[in-house]
C-alpha atoms as a PDB file:
ATOM      1  CA  MET A   1     -40.473  45.332  12.451  1.00  0.00           C
ATOM      2  CA  LYS A   2     -41.273  41.786  11.627  1.00  0.00           C
ATOM      3  CA  SER A   3     -40.742  42.402   7.950  1.00  0.00           C
ATOM      4  CA  THR A   4     -37.296  43.913   8.559  1.00  0.00           C
ATOM      5  CA  LYS A   5     -36.357  40.846  10.626  1.00  0.00           C
ATOM      6  CA  LEU A   6     -37.412  38.572   7.801  1.00  0.00           C
ATOM      7  CA  THR A   7     -35.574  40.695   5.312  1.00  0.00           C
ATOM      8  CA  ASN A   8     -32.453  40.684   7.457  1.00  0.00           C
ATOM      9  CA  ASN A   9     -32.686  36.909   7.896  1.00  0.00           C
ATOM     10  CA  TYR A  10     -33.187  36.480   4.176  1.00  0.00           C
ATOM     11  CA  ILE A  11     -30.186  38.694   3.426  1.00  0.00           C
ATOM     12  CA  ARG A  12     -28.040  36.787   5.940  1.00  0.00           C
ATOM     13  CA  ARG A  13     -29.016  33.437   4.411  1.00  0.00           C
ATOM     14  CA  GLU A  14     -28.257  34.630   0.920  1.00  0.00           C
ATOM     15  CA  ARG A  15     -24.933  36.064   2.084  1.00  0.00           C
ATOM     16  CA  ASP A  16     -24.102  32.751   3.845  1.00  0.00           C
ATOM     17  CA  ILE A  17     -25.036  30.796   0.717  1.00  0.00           C
ATOM     18  CA  MET A  18     -22.911  33.059  -1.445  1.00  0.00           C
ATOM     19  CA  MET A  19     -19.985  32.764   0.990  1.00  0.00           C
ATOM     20  CA  ASN A  20     -20.320  28.981   0.991  1.00  0.00           C
ATOM     21  CA  GLN A  21     -20.391  28.946  -2.804  1.00  0.00           C
ATOM     22  CA  LYS A  22     -17.300  31.159  -2.971  1.00  0.00           C
ATOM     23  CA  LEU A  23     -15.537  28.983  -0.405  1.00  0.00           C
ATOM     24  CA  GLU A  24     -16.388  25.834  -2.368  1.00  0.00           C
ATOM     25  CA  GLU A  25     -15.182  27.496  -5.574  1.00  0.00           C
ATOM     26  CA  ILE A  26     -11.888  28.477  -3.923  1.00  0.00           C
ATOM     27  CA  MET A  27     -11.423  24.933  -2.581  1.00  0.00           C
ATOM     28  CA  ALA A  28     -12.163  23.453  -6.007  1.00  0.00           C
ATOM     29  CA  THR A  29      -9.639  25.809  -7.582  1.00  0.00           C
ATOM     30  CA  ALA A  30      -7.041  24.803  -4.990  1.00  0.00           C
ATOM     31  CA  ARG A  31      -7.662  21.099  -5.720  1.00  0.00           C
ATOM     32  CA  LEU A  32      -7.381  21.743  -9.436  1.00  0.00           C
ATOM     33  CA  ASN A  33      -4.101  23.603  -8.982  1.00  0.00           C
ATOM     34  CA  GLU A  34      -2.776  20.750  -6.865  1.00  0.00           C
ATOM     35  CA  LEU A  35      -3.685  18.216  -9.554  1.00  0.00           C
ATOM     36  CA  ILE A  36      -2.014  20.350 -12.215  1.00  0.00           C
ATOM     37  CA  ARG A  37       1.186  20.535 -10.139  1.00  0.00           C
ATOM     38  CA  LYS A  38       1.183  16.767  -9.657  1.00  0.00           C
ATOM     39  CA  LYS A  39       0.704  16.290 -13.392  1.00  0.00           C
ATOM     40  CA  GLN A  40       3.631  18.611 -14.119  1.00  0.00           C
ATOM     41  CA  LYS A  41       5.867  16.715 -11.670  1.00  0.00           C
ATOM     42  CA  ASP A  42       4.908  13.414 -13.302  1.00  0.00           C
ATOM     43  CA  ASP A  43       5.605  14.890 -16.733  1.00  0.00           C
ATOM     44  CA  ASP A  44       9.009  16.119 -15.540  1.00  0.00           C
ATOM     45  CA  LYS A  45       9.858  12.626 -14.249  1.00  0.00           C
ATOM     46  CA  LYS A  46       8.766  11.039 -17.518  1.00  0.00           C
ATOM     47  CA  ASN A  47      10.738  13.608 -19.470  1.00  0.00           C
ATOM     48  CA  THR A  48      13.866  12.857 -17.419  1.00  0.00           C
ATOM     49  CA  ILE A  49      13.465   9.115 -17.975  1.00  0.00           C
ATOM     50  CA  ILE A  50      13.077   9.652 -21.722  1.00  0.00           C
ATOM     51  CA  TRP A  51      16.251  11.769 -21.843  1.00  0.00           C
ATOM     52  CA  VAL A  52      18.248   9.152 -19.891  1.00  0.00           C
ATOM     53  CA  LEU A  53      17.063   6.366 -22.171  1.00  0.00           C
ATOM     54  CA  ALA A  54      17.838   8.447 -25.270  1.00  0.00           C
ATOM     55  CA  ILE A  55      21.389   9.109 -24.052  1.00  0.00           C
ATOM     56  CA  LEU A  56      21.919   5.414 -23.251  1.00  0.00           C
ATOM     57  CA  GLY A  57      20.596   4.482 -26.697  1.00  0.00           C
ATOM     58  CA  ALA A  58      22.955   6.941 -28.377  1.00  0.00           C
ATOM     59  CA  ILE A  59      25.917   5.543 -26.420  1.00  0.00           C
ATOM     60  CA  ALA A  60      24.933   1.990 -27.376  1.00  0.00           C
ATOM     61  CA  ALA A  61      24.627   2.971 -31.043  1.00  0.00           C
ATOM     62  CA  VAL A  62      28.072   4.610 -31.051  1.00  0.00           C
ATOM     63  CA  ALA A  63      29.578   1.567 -29.312  1.00  0.00           C
ATOM     64  CA  GLY A  64      27.946  -0.757 -31.849  1.00  0.00           C
ATOM     65  CA  ILE A  65      29.246   1.276 -34.775  1.00  0.00           C
ATOM     66  CA  ALA A  66      32.736   1.375 -33.245  1.00  0.00           C
ATOM     67  CA  PHE A  67      32.690  -2.405 -32.752  1.00  0.00           C
ATOM     68  CA  ALA A  68      31.577  -2.973 -36.344  1.00  0.00           C
ATOM     69  CA  VAL A  69      34.339  -0.699 -37.690  1.00  0.00           C
ATOM     70  CA  VAL A  70      37.035  -2.399 -35.589  1.00  0.00           C
ATOM     71  CA  LYS A  71      35.745  -5.844 -36.578  1.00  0.00           C
ATOM     72  CA  TYR A  72      35.729  -4.878 -40.249  1.00  0.00           C
ATOM     73  CA  PHE A  73      39.236  -3.383 -40.269  1.00  0.00           C
ATOM     74  CA  SER A  74      40.988  -5.925 -38.016  1.00  0.00           C
ATOM     75  CA  PRO A  75      43.189  -8.432 -39.820  1.00  0.00           C
ATOM     76  CA  ALA A  76      41.885 -11.970 -40.180  1.00  0.00           C
ATOM     77  CA  TYR A  77      45.108 -13.590 -38.939  1.00  0.00           C
ATOM     78  CA  LEU A  78      44.485 -12.313 -35.419  1.00  0.00           C
ATOM     79  CA  GLU A  79      41.254 -14.282 -35.203  1.00  0.00           C
ATOM     80  CA  ASP A  80      42.653 -17.620 -36.458  1.00  0.00           C
ATOM     81  CA  ASP A  81      45.472 -18.074 -33.931  1.00  0.00           C
ATOM     82  CA  PHE A  82      43.540 -20.225 -31.502  1.00  0.00           C
ATOM     83  CA  ASP A  83      42.059 -22.674 -34.005  1.00  0.00           C
ATOM     84  CA  ASP A  84      45.437 -24.266 -34.789  1.00  0.00           C
ATOM     85  CA  PHE A  85      46.067 -25.480 -31.248  1.00  0.00           C
ATOM     86  CA  ASP A  86      42.834 -27.420 -30.811  1.00  0.00           C
ATOM     87  CA  ASP A  87      44.192 -30.585 -32.468  1.00  0.00           C
ATOM     88  CA  ASP A  88      47.287 -30.763 -30.260  1.00  0.00           C
ATOM     89  CA  TYR A  89      45.402 -31.074 -27.008  1.00  0.00           C
ATOM     90  CA  ASP A  90      42.716 -33.525 -28.082  1.00  0.00           C
ATOM     91  CA  ASP A  91      45.077 -36.498 -27.806  1.00  0.00           C
ATOM     92  CA  ASP A  92      45.973 -35.784 -24.172  1.00  0.00           C
ATOM     93  CA  PHE A  93      42.556 -36.782 -22.927  1.00  0.00           C
ATOM     94  CA  PHE A  94      42.751 -40.388 -24.094  1.00  0.00           C
ATOM     95  CA  ASP A  95      45.166 -42.958 -22.634  1.00  0.00           C
ATOM     96  CA  ASP A  96      46.020 -45.991 -24.687  1.00  0.00           C
ATOM     97  CA  ASP A  97      46.940 -47.912 -21.528  1.00  0.00           C
ATOM     98  CA  ASP A  98      43.332 -48.249 -20.479  1.00  0.00           C
ATOM     99  CA  VAL A  99      42.249 -51.165 -22.658  1.00  0.00           C
ATOM    100  CA  ILE A 100      39.023 -52.940 -21.818  1.00  0.00           C
ATOM    101  CA  GLU A 101      38.729 -56.528 -22.807  1.00  0.00           C
ATOM    102  CA  VAL A 102      35.386 -57.701 -24.038  1.00  0.00           C
ATOM    103  CA  LYS A 103      34.593 -61.411 -23.710  1.00  0.00           C
ATOM    104  CA  PRO A 104      32.173 -62.959 -26.120  1.00  0.00           C
ATOM    105  CA  GLU A 105      28.989 -64.328 -24.620  1.00  0.00           C
ATOM    106  CA  GLU A 106      28.512 -68.050 -24.382  1.00  0.00           C
ATOM    107  CA  LYS A 107      25.407 -69.661 -25.761  1.00  0.00           C
END
């Protein structure tokens, strides 16, 4: 009877150890799955950011090309209109009435 008790205790311990190992394995698998899901979410966020930046870059490139084409094909006389009027307004800032007399120094 004593030997059957020992055998039963031994079997219970082994079964408990195996159950603990299986439980630990299941928990490790769950943690691994959770990490994989987090990694996929991070990858999806990075992928979205890359797509947004690519679209903004394409829009900027098209705008730059359009600006260059308009600048190249626009007539030159439209750009020179404002340069002619600079000389007319320079004289308005100086008054000839404000004359300062300078006295020579005495030695």
